[in-house]
Amino acid sequence: MVALLRQLFEVCLLRRGPQDLPHAPPVVAALVVALLAVQLAFASHQGLPAPALSARVMVTLVILLGVTGGLLAWRKLENRGSQTLLALAGTGLIFTLAMMPMALALQPHLGDTE
């Protein structure tokens, strides 16, 4: 797991690409679930209503799975799906977790979020 985390940080730093990541569908599923959980926790902390939370999940899933799959199919690179999703979900989770403390600290100063 530490090796994968190191690889994802290298993708964030543009030192590696998705093609350098392993084909690991169970890890992809775990990272997608973790990304959705973090996004939902952050959104619910902001006091968003249930329909808005559901909409966020749907948008994330459509963009992450649907658009990515469609673009890879268009380019005839379906075999890179797992690696691409691993890179997108993993780096998305890293950036979300890195941004969250600042966003939480600034939230009281941003006014009403609704």
PDB file of N, CA and C in Angstrom:
ATOM      1  N   MET A   1       0.818  -1.200   0.000  1.00  0.00           N
ATOM      2  CA  MET A   1       0.000   0.000   0.000  1.00  0.00           C
ATOM      3  C   MET A   1       0.862   1.264   0.000  1.00  0.00           C
ATOM      4  N   VAL A   2       1.974   1.211   0.732  1.00  0.00           N
ATOM      5  CA  VAL A   2       2.875   2.352   0.779  1.00  0.00           C
ATOM      6  C   VAL A   2       3.471   2.604  -0.606  1.00  0.00           C
ATOM      7  N   ALA A   3       3.793   1.529  -1.319  1.00  0.00           N
ATOM      8  CA  ALA A   3       4.353   1.677  -2.666  1.00  0.00           C
ATOM      9  C   ALA A   3       3.332   2.326  -3.598  1.00  0.00           C
ATOM     10  N   LEU A   4       2.072   1.930  -3.484  1.00  0.00           N
ATOM     11  CA  LEU A   4       1.029   2.522  -4.324  1.00  0.00           C
ATOM     12  C   LEU A   4       0.839   4.000  -3.972  1.00  0.00           C
ATOM     13  N   LEU A   5       0.856   4.315  -2.703  1.00  0.00           N
ATOM     14  CA  LEU A   5       0.725   5.709  -2.287  1.00  0.00           C
ATOM     15  C   LEU A   5       1.879   6.553  -2.830  1.00  0.00           C
ATOM     16  N   ARG A   6       3.067   6.008  -2.802  1.00  0.00           N
ATOM     17  CA  ARG A   6       4.229   6.707  -3.360  1.00  0.00           C
ATOM     18  C   ARG A   6       4.038   6.929  -4.870  1.00  0.00           C
ATOM     19  N   GLN A   7       3.536   5.911  -5.564  1.00  0.00           N
ATOM     20  CA  GLN A   7       3.289   6.041  -7.000  1.00  0.00           C
ATOM     21  C   GLN A   7       2.238   7.114  -7.278  1.00  0.00           C
ATOM     22  N   LEU A   8       1.184   7.158  -6.457  1.00  0.00           N
ATOM     23  CA  LEU A   8       0.147   8.175  -6.654  1.00  0.00           C
ATOM     24  C   LEU A   8       0.684   9.581  -6.410  1.00  0.00           C
ATOM     25  N   PHE A   9       1.542   9.746  -5.412  1.00  0.00           N
ATOM     26  CA  PHE A   9       2.170  11.050  -5.198  1.00  0.00           C
ATOM     27  C   PHE A   9       3.027  11.434  -6.399  1.00  0.00           C
ATOM     28  N   GLU A  10       3.703  10.466  -6.995  1.00  0.00           N
ATOM     29  CA  GLU A  10       4.508  10.741  -8.179  1.00  0.00           C
ATOM     30  C   GLU A  10       3.631  11.121  -9.371  1.00  0.00           C
ATOM     31  N   VAL A  11       2.438  10.546  -9.460  1.00  0.00           N
ATOM     32  CA  VAL A  11       1.490  10.960 -10.504  1.00  0.00           C
ATOM     33  C   VAL A  11       1.063  12.407 -10.242  1.00  0.00           C
ATOM     34  N   CYS A  12       0.796  12.747  -8.991  1.00  0.00           N
ATOM     35  CA  CYS A  12       0.429  14.125  -8.638  1.00  0.00           C
ATOM     36  C   CYS A  12       1.534  15.106  -9.025  1.00  0.00           C
ATOM     37  N   LEU A  13       2.764  14.686  -8.900  1.00  0.00           N
ATOM     38  CA  LEU A  13       3.905  15.542  -9.217  1.00  0.00           C
ATOM     39  C   LEU A  13       4.306  15.454 -10.696  1.00  0.00           C
ATOM     40  N   LEU A  14       3.517  14.725 -11.476  1.00  0.00           N
ATOM     41  CA  LEU A  14       3.753  14.543 -12.917  1.00  0.00           C
ATOM     42  C   LEU A  14       5.077  13.846 -13.218  1.00  0.00           C
ATOM     43  N   ARG A  15       5.515  13.010 -12.302  1.00  0.00           N
ATOM     44  CA  ARG A  15       6.723  12.219 -12.523  1.00  0.00           C
ATOM     45  C   ARG A  15       6.396  10.839 -13.081  1.00  0.00           C
ATOM     46  N   ARG A  16       5.140  10.448 -12.968  1.00  0.00           N
ATOM     47  CA  ARG A  16       4.641   9.179 -13.504  1.00  0.00           C
ATOM     48  C   ARG A  16       3.314   9.454 -14.181  1.00  0.00           C
ATOM     49  N   GLY A  17       2.897   8.506 -14.984  1.00  0.00           N
ATOM     50  CA  GLY A  17       1.594   8.582 -15.611  1.00  0.00           C
ATOM     51  C   GLY A  17       0.748   7.394 -15.183  1.00  0.00           C
ATOM     52  N   PRO A  18      -0.535   7.400 -15.540  1.00  0.00           N
ATOM     53  CA  PRO A  18      -1.406   6.282 -15.170  1.00  0.00           C
ATOM     54  C   PRO A  18      -0.900   4.930 -15.668  1.00  0.00           C
ATOM     55  N   GLN A  19      -0.190   4.934 -16.804  1.00  0.00           N
ATOM     56  CA  GLN A  19       0.311   3.681 -17.357  1.00  0.00           C
ATOM     57  C   GLN A  19       1.341   3.021 -16.437  1.00  0.00           C
ATOM     58  N   ASP A  20       1.897   3.767 -15.504  1.00  0.00           N
ATOM     59  CA  ASP A  20       2.880   3.229 -14.569  1.00  0.00           C
ATOM     60  C   ASP A  20       2.247   2.586 -13.342  1.00  0.00           C
ATOM     61  N   LEU A  21       0.941   2.736 -13.191  1.00  0.00           N
ATOM     62  CA  LEU A  21       0.244   2.173 -12.035  1.00  0.00           C
ATOM     63  C   LEU A  21      -0.188   0.738 -12.327  1.00  0.00           C
ATOM     64  N   PRO A  22      -0.384  -0.052 -11.288  1.00  0.00           N
ATOM     65  CA  PRO A  22      -0.779  -1.453 -11.501  1.00  0.00           C
ATOM     66  C   PRO A  22      -2.244  -1.576 -11.920  1.00  0.00           C
ATOM     67  N   HIS A  23      -2.561  -2.683 -12.570  1.00  0.00           N
ATOM     68  CA  HIS A  23      -3.951  -3.032 -12.879  1.00  0.00           C
ATOM     69  C   HIS A  23      -4.507  -3.665 -11.611  1.00  0.00           C
ATOM     70  N   ALA A  24      -5.356  -2.938 -10.882  1.00  0.00           N
ATOM     71  CA  ALA A  24      -5.842  -3.413  -9.583  1.00  0.00           C
ATOM     72  C   ALA A  24      -7.293  -2.992  -9.367  1.00  0.00           C
ATOM     73  N   PRO A  25      -8.249  -3.673 -10.020  1.00  0.00           N
ATOM     74  CA  PRO A  25      -9.658  -3.290  -9.875  1.00  0.00           C
ATOM     75  C   PRO A  25     -10.171  -3.213  -8.428  1.00  0.00           C
ATOM     76  N   PRO A  26      -9.772  -4.115  -7.521  1.00  0.00           N
ATOM     77  CA  PRO A  26     -10.254  -3.959  -6.136  1.00  0.00           C
ATOM     78  C   PRO A  26      -9.761  -2.670  -5.482  1.00  0.00           C
ATOM     79  N   VAL A  27      -8.547  -2.263  -5.795  1.00  0.00           N
ATOM     80  CA  VAL A  27      -8.006  -1.026  -5.237  1.00  0.00           C
ATOM     81  C   VAL A  27      -8.738   0.171  -5.837  1.00  0.00           C
ATOM     82  N   VAL A  28      -9.046   0.094  -7.127  1.00  0.00           N
ATOM     83  CA  VAL A  28      -9.816   1.162  -7.775  1.00  0.00           C
ATOM     84  C   VAL A  28     -11.152   1.330  -7.068  1.00  0.00           C
ATOM     85  N   ALA A  29     -11.849   0.221  -6.839  1.00  0.00           N
ATOM     86  CA  ALA A  29     -13.152   0.283  -6.167  1.00  0.00           C
ATOM     87  C   ALA A  29     -13.018   0.893  -4.774  1.00  0.00           C
ATOM     88  N   ALA A  30     -11.991   0.486  -4.042  1.00  0.00           N
ATOM     89  CA  ALA A  30     -11.790   1.028  -2.692  1.00  0.00           C
ATOM     90  C   ALA A  30     -11.499   2.529  -2.733  1.00  0.00           C
ATOM     91  N   LEU A  31     -10.700   2.969  -3.691  1.00  0.00           N
ATOM     92  CA  LEU A  31     -10.386   4.395  -3.783  1.00  0.00           C
ATOM     93  C   LEU A  31     -11.592   5.214  -4.229  1.00  0.00           C
ATOM     94  N   VAL A  32     -12.403   4.673  -5.127  1.00  0.00           N
ATOM     95  CA  VAL A  32     -13.619   5.385  -5.543  1.00  0.00           C
ATOM     96  C   VAL A  32     -14.562   5.532  -4.354  1.00  0.00           C
ATOM     97  N   VAL A  33     -14.738   4.462  -3.588  1.00  0.00           N
ATOM     98  CA  VAL A  33     -15.597   4.527  -2.400  1.00  0.00           C
ATOM     99  C   VAL A  33     -15.028   5.525  -1.386  1.00  0.00           C
ATOM    100  N   ALA A  34     -13.712   5.494  -1.179  1.00  0.00           N
ATOM    101  CA  ALA A  34     -13.084   6.426  -0.234  1.00  0.00           C
ATOM    102  C   ALA A  34     -13.255   7.870  -0.705  1.00  0.00           C
ATOM    103  N   LEU A  35     -13.074   8.114  -1.996  1.00  0.00           N
ATOM    104  CA  LEU A  35     -13.244   9.464  -2.536  1.00  0.00           C
ATOM    105  C   LEU A  35     -14.675   9.943  -2.345  1.00  0.00           C
ATOM    106  N   LEU A  36     -15.638   9.088  -2.645  1.00  0.00           N
ATOM    107  CA  LEU A  36     -17.046   9.457  -2.449  1.00  0.00           C
ATOM    108  C   LEU A  36     -17.354   9.706  -0.974  1.00  0.00           C
ATOM    109  N   ALA A  37     -16.805   8.883  -0.094  1.00  0.00           N
ATOM    110  CA  ALA A  37     -17.051   9.050   1.342  1.00  0.00           C
ATOM    111  C   ALA A  37     -16.498  10.382   1.843  1.00  0.00           C
ATOM    112  N   VAL A  38     -15.295  10.732   1.406  1.00  0.00           N
ATOM    113  CA  VAL A  38     -14.698  11.996   1.832  1.00  0.00           C
ATOM    114  C   VAL A  38     -15.512  13.172   1.283  1.00  0.00           C
ATOM    115  N   GLN A  39     -15.912  13.090   0.010  1.00  0.00           N
ATOM    116  CA  GLN A  39     -16.711  14.161  -0.572  1.00  0.00           C
ATOM    117  C   GLN A  39     -18.048  14.305   0.155  1.00  0.00           C
ATOM    118  N   LEU A  40     -18.685  13.189   0.467  1.00  0.00           N
ATOM    119  CA  LEU A  40     -19.972  13.247   1.183  1.00  0.00           C
ATOM    120  C   LEU A  40     -19.800  13.790   2.594  1.00  0.00           C
ATOM    121  N   ALA A  41     -18.750  13.377   3.279  1.00  0.00           N
ATOM    122  CA  ALA A  41     -18.518  13.866   4.636  1.00  0.00           C
ATOM    123  C   ALA A  41     -18.280  15.378   4.627  1.00  0.00           C
ATOM    124  N   PHE A  42     -17.493  15.837   3.681  1.00  0.00           N
ATOM    125  CA  PHE A  42     -17.218  17.266   3.580  1.00  0.00           C
ATOM    126  C   PHE A  42     -18.486  18.042   3.231  1.00  0.00           C
ATOM    127  N   ALA A  43     -19.257  17.535   2.284  1.00  0.00           N
ATOM    128  CA  ALA A  43     -20.492  18.215   1.875  1.00  0.00           C
ATOM    129  C   ALA A  43     -21.527  18.210   3.000  1.00  0.00           C
ATOM    130  N   SER A  44     -21.641  17.111   3.730  1.00  0.00           N
ATOM    131  CA  SER A  44     -22.615  17.073   4.826  1.00  0.00           C
ATOM    132  C   SER A  44     -22.166  17.981   5.969  1.00  0.00           C
ATOM    133  N   HIS A  45     -20.854  18.104   6.167  1.00  0.00           N
ATOM    134  CA  HIS A  45     -20.340  19.038   7.176  1.00  0.00           C
ATOM    135  C   HIS A  45     -20.715  20.482   6.816  1.00  0.00           C
ATOM    136  N   GLN A  46     -20.814  20.758   5.529  1.00  0.00           N
ATOM    137  CA  GLN A  46     -21.218  22.083   5.070  1.00  0.00           C
ATOM    138  C   GLN A  46     -22.724  22.281   5.198  1.00  0.00           C
ATOM    139  N   GLY A  47     -23.442  21.226   5.571  1.00  0.00           N
ATOM    140  CA  GLY A  47     -24.875  21.335   5.783  1.00  0.00           C
ATOM    141  C   GLY A  47     -25.718  21.221   4.521  1.00  0.00           C
ATOM    142  N   LEU A  48     -25.184  20.584   3.495  1.00  0.00           N
ATOM    143  CA  LEU A  48     -25.960  20.431   2.264  1.00  0.00           C
ATOM    144  C   LEU A  48     -27.088  19.438   2.472  1.00  0.00           C
ATOM    145  N   PRO A  49     -28.240  19.668   1.858  1.00  0.00           N
ATOM    146  CA  PRO A  49     -29.365  18.744   1.994  1.00  0.00           C
ATOM    147  C   PRO A  49     -29.115  17.440   1.236  1.00  0.00           C
ATOM    148  N   ALA A  50     -29.901  16.428   1.577  1.00  0.00           N
ATOM    149  CA  ALA A  50     -29.736  15.096   0.979  1.00  0.00           C
ATOM    150  C   ALA A  50     -29.771  15.106  -0.548  1.00  0.00           C
ATOM    151  N   PRO A  51     -30.687  15.847  -1.195  1.00  0.00           N
ATOM    152  CA  PRO A  51     -30.670  15.848  -2.667  1.00  0.00           C
ATOM    153  C   PRO A  51     -29.354  16.378  -3.244  1.00  0.00           C
ATOM    154  N   ALA A  52     -28.762  17.354  -2.587  1.00  0.00           N
ATOM    155  CA  ALA A  52     -27.480  17.888  -3.060  1.00  0.00           C
ATOM    156  C   ALA A  52     -26.367  16.863  -2.868  1.00  0.00           C
ATOM    157  N   LEU A  53     -26.427  16.122  -1.767  1.00  0.00           N
ATOM    158  CA  LEU A  53     -25.436  15.074  -1.536  1.00  0.00           C
ATOM    159  C   LEU A  53     -25.546  13.990  -2.605  1.00  0.00           C
ATOM    160  N   SER A  54     -26.769  13.591  -2.909  1.00  0.00           N
ATOM    161  CA  SER A  54     -26.993  12.577  -3.952  1.00  0.00           C
ATOM    162  C   SER A  54     -26.507  13.079  -5.305  1.00  0.00           C
ATOM    163  N   ALA A  55     -26.756  14.329  -5.591  1.00  0.00           N
ATOM    164  CA  ALA A  55     -26.316  14.899  -6.858  1.00  0.00           C
ATOM    165  C   ALA A  55     -24.798  14.893  -6.960  1.00  0.00           C
ATOM    166  N   ARG A  56     -24.113  15.192  -5.880  1.00  0.00           N
ATOM    167  CA  ARG A  56     -22.645  15.175  -5.898  1.00  0.00           C
ATOM    168  C   ARG A  56     -22.116  13.783  -6.192  1.00  0.00           C
ATOM    169  N   VAL A  57     -22.719  12.786  -5.555  1.00  0.00           N
ATOM    170  CA  VAL A  57     -22.298  11.404  -5.799  1.00  0.00           C
ATOM    171  C   VAL A  57     -22.508  11.041  -7.261  1.00  0.00           C
ATOM    172  N   MET A  58     -23.663  11.383  -7.794  1.00  0.00           N
ATOM    173  CA  MET A  58     -23.966  11.042  -9.188  1.00  0.00           C
ATOM    174  C   MET A  58     -23.019  11.754 -10.153  1.00  0.00           C
ATOM    175  N   VAL A  59     -22.760  13.024  -9.927  1.00  0.00           N
ATOM    176  CA  VAL A  59     -21.853  13.765 -10.806  1.00  0.00           C
ATOM    177  C   VAL A  59     -20.456  13.154 -10.759  1.00  0.00           C
ATOM    178  N   THR A  60     -19.987  12.851  -9.566  1.00  0.00           N
ATOM    179  CA  THR A  60     -18.656  12.244  -9.436  1.00  0.00           C
ATOM    180  C   THR A  60     -18.595  10.911 -10.165  1.00  0.00           C
ATOM    181  N   LEU A  61     -19.611  10.075  -9.974  1.00  0.00           N
ATOM    182  CA  LEU A  61     -19.610   8.764 -10.627  1.00  0.00           C
ATOM    183  C   LEU A  61     -19.703   8.877 -12.143  1.00  0.00           C
ATOM    184  N   VAL A  62     -20.559   9.773 -12.622  1.00  0.00           N
ATOM    185  CA  VAL A  62     -20.699   9.931 -14.076  1.00  0.00           C
ATOM    186  C   VAL A  62     -19.399  10.420 -14.693  1.00  0.00           C
ATOM    187  N   ILE A  63     -18.788  11.412 -14.079  1.00  0.00           N
ATOM    188  CA  ILE A  63     -17.546  11.944 -14.635  1.00  0.00           C
ATOM    189  C   ILE A  63     -16.415  10.928 -14.499  1.00  0.00           C
ATOM    190  N   LEU A  64     -16.266  10.384 -13.302  1.00  0.00           N
ATOM    191  CA  LEU A  64     -15.152   9.478 -13.052  1.00  0.00           C
ATOM    192  C   LEU A  64     -15.265   8.192 -13.867  1.00  0.00           C
ATOM    193  N   LEU A  65     -16.409   7.552 -13.816  1.00  0.00           N
ATOM    194  CA  LEU A  65     -16.560   6.262 -14.489  1.00  0.00           C
ATOM    195  C   LEU A  65     -17.060   6.400 -15.926  1.00  0.00           C
ATOM    196  N   GLY A  66     -18.090   7.205 -16.115  1.00  0.00           N
ATOM    197  CA  GLY A  66     -18.706   7.317 -17.429  1.00  0.00           C
ATOM    198  C   GLY A  66     -17.856   8.046 -18.445  1.00  0.00           C
ATOM    199  N   VAL A  67     -17.449   9.248 -18.115  1.00  0.00           N
ATOM    200  CA  VAL A  67     -16.667  10.047 -19.065  1.00  0.00           C
ATOM    201  C   VAL A  67     -15.308   9.400 -19.318  1.00  0.00           C
ATOM    202  N   THR A  68     -14.668   8.943 -18.260  1.00  0.00           N
ATOM    203  CA  THR A  68     -13.367   8.297 -18.424  1.00  0.00           C
ATOM    204  C   THR A  68     -13.486   7.053 -19.300  1.00  0.00           C
ATOM    205  N   GLY A  69     -14.470   6.229 -19.012  1.00  0.00           N
ATOM    206  CA  GLY A  69     -14.676   5.025 -19.830  1.00  0.00           C
ATOM    207  C   GLY A  69     -14.984   5.366 -21.274  1.00  0.00           C
ATOM    208  N   GLY A  70     -15.811   6.372 -21.479  1.00  0.00           N
ATOM    209  CA  GLY A  70     -16.149   6.789 -22.839  1.00  0.00           C
ATOM    210  C   GLY A  70     -14.941   7.308 -23.604  1.00  0.00           C
ATOM    211  N   LEU A  71     -14.140   8.126 -22.957  1.00  0.00           N
ATOM    212  CA  LEU A  71     -12.941   8.657 -23.620  1.00  0.00           C
ATOM    213  C   LEU A  71     -11.930   7.557 -23.927  1.00  0.00           C
ATOM    214  N   LEU A  72     -11.758   6.619 -22.999  1.00  0.00           N
ATOM    215  CA  LEU A  72     -10.835   5.516 -23.258  1.00  0.00           C
ATOM    216  C   LEU A  72     -11.352   4.629 -24.392  1.00  0.00           C
ATOM    217  N   ALA A  73     -12.665   4.401 -24.444  1.00  0.00           N
ATOM    218  CA  ALA A  73     -13.240   3.610 -25.535  1.00  0.00           C
ATOM    219  C   ALA A  73     -13.069   4.335 -26.863  1.00  0.00           C
ATOM    220  N   TRP A  74     -13.275   5.633 -26.863  1.00  0.00           N
ATOM    221  CA  TRP A  74     -13.115   6.434 -28.076  1.00  0.00           C
ATOM    222  C   TRP A  74     -11.689   6.338 -28.617  1.00  0.00           C
ATOM    223  N   ARG A  75     -10.723   6.323 -27.691  1.00  0.00           N
ATOM    224  CA  ARG A  75      -9.315   6.220 -28.087  1.00  0.00           C
ATOM    225  C   ARG A  75      -8.858   4.770 -28.239  1.00  0.00           C
ATOM    226  N   LYS A  76      -9.791   3.825 -28.042  1.00  0.00           N
ATOM    227  CA  LYS A  76      -9.505   2.387 -28.122  1.00  0.00           C
ATOM    228  C   LYS A  76      -8.422   1.967 -27.116  1.00  0.00           C
ATOM    229  N   LEU A  77      -8.544   2.502 -25.908  1.00  0.00           N
ATOM    230  CA  LEU A  77      -7.609   2.196 -24.830  1.00  0.00           C
ATOM    231  C   LEU A  77      -8.345   1.636 -23.610  1.00  0.00           C
ATOM    232  N   GLU A  78      -9.385   0.841 -23.863  1.00  0.00           N
ATOM    233  CA  GLU A  78     -10.170   0.292 -22.759  1.00  0.00           C
ATOM    234  C   GLU A  78      -9.314  -0.512 -21.784  1.00  0.00           C
ATOM    235  N   ASN A  79      -8.217  -1.099 -22.301  1.00  0.00           N
ATOM    236  CA  ASN A  79      -7.343  -1.895 -21.441  1.00  0.00           C
ATOM    237  C   ASN A  79      -6.633  -1.046 -20.384  1.00  0.00           C
ATOM    238  N   ARG A  80      -6.654   0.266 -20.519  1.00  0.00           N
ATOM    239  CA  ARG A  80      -6.037   1.168 -19.537  1.00  0.00           C
ATOM    240  C   ARG A  80      -7.043   1.693 -18.516  1.00  0.00           C
ATOM    241  N   GLY A  81      -8.258   1.181 -18.544  1.00  0.00           N
ATOM    242  CA  GLY A  81      -9.308   1.687 -17.665  1.00  0.00           C
ATOM    243  C   GLY A  81      -8.971   1.621 -16.195  1.00  0.00           C
ATOM    244  N   SER A  82      -8.518   0.474 -15.735  1.00  0.00           N
ATOM    245  CA  SER A  82      -8.212   0.319 -14.312  1.00  0.00           C
ATOM    246  C   SER A  82      -7.098   1.263 -13.878  1.00  0.00           C
ATOM    247  N   GLN A  83      -6.049   1.360 -14.686  1.00  0.00           N
ATOM    248  CA  GLN A  83      -4.934   2.235 -14.335  1.00  0.00           C
ATOM    249  C   GLN A  83      -5.356   3.701 -14.335  1.00  0.00           C
ATOM    250  N   THR A  84      -6.166   4.083 -15.325  1.00  0.00           N
ATOM    251  CA  THR A  84      -6.616   5.474 -15.405  1.00  0.00           C
ATOM    252  C   THR A  84      -7.520   5.817 -14.232  1.00  0.00           C
ATOM    253  N   LEU A  85      -8.455   4.925 -13.912  1.00  0.00           N
ATOM    254  CA  LEU A  85      -9.342   5.174 -12.776  1.00  0.00           C
ATOM    255  C   LEU A  85      -8.571   5.189 -11.463  1.00  0.00           C
ATOM    256  N   LEU A  86      -7.568   4.328 -11.357  1.00  0.00           N
ATOM    257  CA  LEU A  86      -6.727   4.327 -10.164  1.00  0.00           C
ATOM    258  C   LEU A  86      -6.015   5.676 -10.017  1.00  0.00           C
ATOM    259  N   ALA A  87      -5.492   6.185 -11.120  1.00  0.00           N
ATOM    260  CA  ALA A  87      -4.811   7.484 -11.074  1.00  0.00           C
ATOM    261  C   ALA A  87      -5.791   8.604 -10.741  1.00  0.00           C
ATOM    262  N   LEU A  88      -6.952   8.609 -11.384  1.00  0.00           N
ATOM    263  CA  LEU A  88      -7.924   9.683 -11.142  1.00  0.00           C
ATOM    264  C   LEU A  88      -8.470   9.651  -9.720  1.00  0.00           C
ATOM    265  N   ALA A  89      -8.909   8.482  -9.267  1.00  0.00           N
ATOM    266  CA  ALA A  89      -9.478   8.385  -7.915  1.00  0.00           C
ATOM    267  C   ALA A  89      -8.412   8.602  -6.853  1.00  0.00           C
ATOM    268  N   GLY A  90      -7.230   8.042  -7.064  1.00  0.00           N
ATOM    269  CA  GLY A  90      -6.157   8.184  -6.078  1.00  0.00           C
ATOM    270  C   GLY A  90      -5.666   9.605  -5.942  1.00  0.00           C
ATOM    271  N   THR A  91      -5.401  10.253  -7.068  1.00  0.00           N
ATOM    272  CA  THR A  91      -4.934  11.640  -6.994  1.00  0.00           C
ATOM    273  C   THR A  91      -6.053  12.574  -6.545  1.00  0.00           C
ATOM    274  N   GLY A  92      -7.280  12.268  -6.951  1.00  0.00           N
ATOM    275  CA  GLY A  92      -8.413  13.068  -6.478  1.00  0.00           C
ATOM    276  C   GLY A  92      -8.547  13.008  -4.967  1.00  0.00           C
ATOM    277  N   LEU A  93      -8.374  11.827  -4.421  1.00  0.00           N
ATOM    278  CA  LEU A  93      -8.452  11.660  -2.968  1.00  0.00           C
ATOM    279  C   LEU A  93      -7.302  12.397  -2.274  1.00  0.00           C
ATOM    280  N   ILE A  94      -6.113  12.293  -2.825  1.00  0.00           N
ATOM    281  CA  ILE A  94      -4.957  12.992  -2.235  1.00  0.00           C
ATOM    282  C   ILE A  94      -5.181  14.505  -2.242  1.00  0.00           C
ATOM    283  N   PHE A  95      -5.602  15.042  -3.383  1.00  0.00           N
ATOM    284  CA  PHE A  95      -5.820  16.485  -3.466  1.00  0.00           C
ATOM    285  C   PHE A  95      -6.979  16.931  -2.572  1.00  0.00           C
ATOM    286  N   THR A  96      -8.031  16.129  -2.488  1.00  0.00           N
ATOM    287  CA  THR A  96      -9.161  16.471  -1.629  1.00  0.00           C
ATOM    288  C   THR A  96      -8.726  16.517  -0.165  1.00  0.00           C
ATOM    289  N   LEU A  97      -7.983  15.507   0.262  1.00  0.00           N
ATOM    290  CA  LEU A  97      -7.514  15.478   1.653  1.00  0.00           C
ATOM    291  C   LEU A  97      -6.523  16.613   1.934  1.00  0.00           C
ATOM    292  N   ALA A  98      -5.707  16.972   0.955  1.00  0.00           N
ATOM    293  CA  ALA A  98      -4.755  18.063   1.146  1.00  0.00           C
ATOM    294  C   ALA A  98      -5.461  19.412   1.235  1.00  0.00           C
ATOM    295  N   MET A  99      -6.548  19.569   0.485  1.00  0.00           N
ATOM    296  CA  MET A  99      -7.277  20.831   0.437  1.00  0.00           C
ATOM    297  C   MET A  99      -8.238  21.004   1.614  1.00  0.00           C
ATOM    298  N   MET A 100      -8.676  19.902   2.186  1.00  0.00           N
ATOM    299  CA  MET A 100      -9.733  19.949   3.191  1.00  0.00           C
ATOM    300  C   MET A 100      -9.413  20.806   4.421  1.00  0.00           C
ATOM    301  N   PRO A 101      -8.241  20.714   5.027  1.00  0.00           N
ATOM    302  CA  PRO A 101      -7.991  21.562   6.209  1.00  0.00           C
ATOM    303  C   PRO A 101      -8.128  23.057   5.908  1.00  0.00           C
ATOM    304  N   MET A 102      -7.621  23.489   4.770  1.00  0.00           N
ATOM    305  CA  MET A 102      -7.728  24.904   4.400  1.00  0.00           C
ATOM    306  C   MET A 102      -9.188  25.274   4.150  1.00  0.00           C
ATOM    307  N   ALA A 103      -9.912  24.413   3.462  1.00  0.00           N
ATOM    308  CA  ALA A 103     -11.318  24.699   3.180  1.00  0.00           C
ATOM    309  C   ALA A 103     -12.132  24.767   4.476  1.00  0.00           C
ATOM    310  N   LEU A 104     -11.858  23.877   5.402  1.00  0.00           N
ATOM    311  CA  LEU A 104     -12.573  23.904   6.681  1.00  0.00           C
ATOM    312  C   LEU A 104     -12.215  25.155   7.483  1.00  0.00           C
ATOM    313  N   ALA A 105     -10.958  25.560   7.431  1.00  0.00           N
ATOM    314  CA  ALA A 105     -10.537  26.763   8.157  1.00  0.00           C
ATOM    315  C   ALA A 105     -11.157  28.020   7.556  1.00  0.00           C
ATOM    316  N   LEU A 106     -11.324  28.036   6.252  1.00  0.00           N
ATOM    317  CA  LEU A 106     -11.877  29.219   5.586  1.00  0.00           C
ATOM    318  C   LEU A 106     -13.396  29.265   5.579  1.00  0.00           C
ATOM    319  N   GLN A 107     -14.039  28.141   5.795  1.00  0.00           N
ATOM    320  CA  GLN A 107     -15.501  28.070   5.691  1.00  0.00           C
ATOM    321  C   GLN A 107     -16.237  29.126   6.521  1.00  0.00           C
ATOM    322  N   PRO A 108     -15.857  29.382   7.769  1.00  0.00           N
ATOM    323  CA  PRO A 108     -16.586  30.407   8.537  1.00  0.00           C
ATOM    324  C   PRO A 108     -16.474  31.810   7.940  1.00  0.00           C
ATOM    325  N   HIS A 109     -15.445  32.038   7.164  1.00  0.00           N
ATOM    326  CA  HIS A 109     -15.204  33.362   6.606  1.00  0.00           C
ATOM    327  C   HIS A 109     -15.823  33.551   5.208  1.00  0.00           C
ATOM    328  N   LEU A 110     -16.392  32.496   4.665  1.00  0.00           N
ATOM    329  CA  LEU A 110     -16.933  32.563   3.304  1.00  0.00           C
ATOM    330  C   LEU A 110     -18.414  32.906   3.267  1.00  0.00           C
ATOM    331  N   GLY A 111     -19.021  33.058   4.412  1.00  0.00           N
ATOM    332  CA  GLY A 111     -20.451  33.397   4.443  1.00  0.00           C
ATOM    333  C   GLY A 111     -21.318  32.163   4.303  1.00  0.00           C
ATOM    334  N   ASP A 112     -22.576  32.378   3.969  1.00  0.00           N
ATOM    335  CA  ASP A 112     -23.551  31.294   3.821  1.00  0.00           C
ATOM    336  C   ASP A 112     -23.225  30.471   2.576  1.00  0.00           C
ATOM    337  N   THR A 113     -23.140  29.137   2.727  1.00  0.00           N
ATOM    338  CA  THR A 113     -22.809  28.266   1.600  1.00  0.00           C
ATOM    339  C   THR A 113     -24.026  27.779   0.847  1.00  0.00           C
ATOM    340  N   GLU A 114     -25.214  28.147   1.272  1.00  0.00           N
ATOM    341  CA  GLU A 114     -26.429  27.679   0.582  1.00  0.00           C
ATOM    342  C   GLU A 114     -26.939  28.687  -0.387  1.00  0.00           C
TER     343      GLU A 114
END
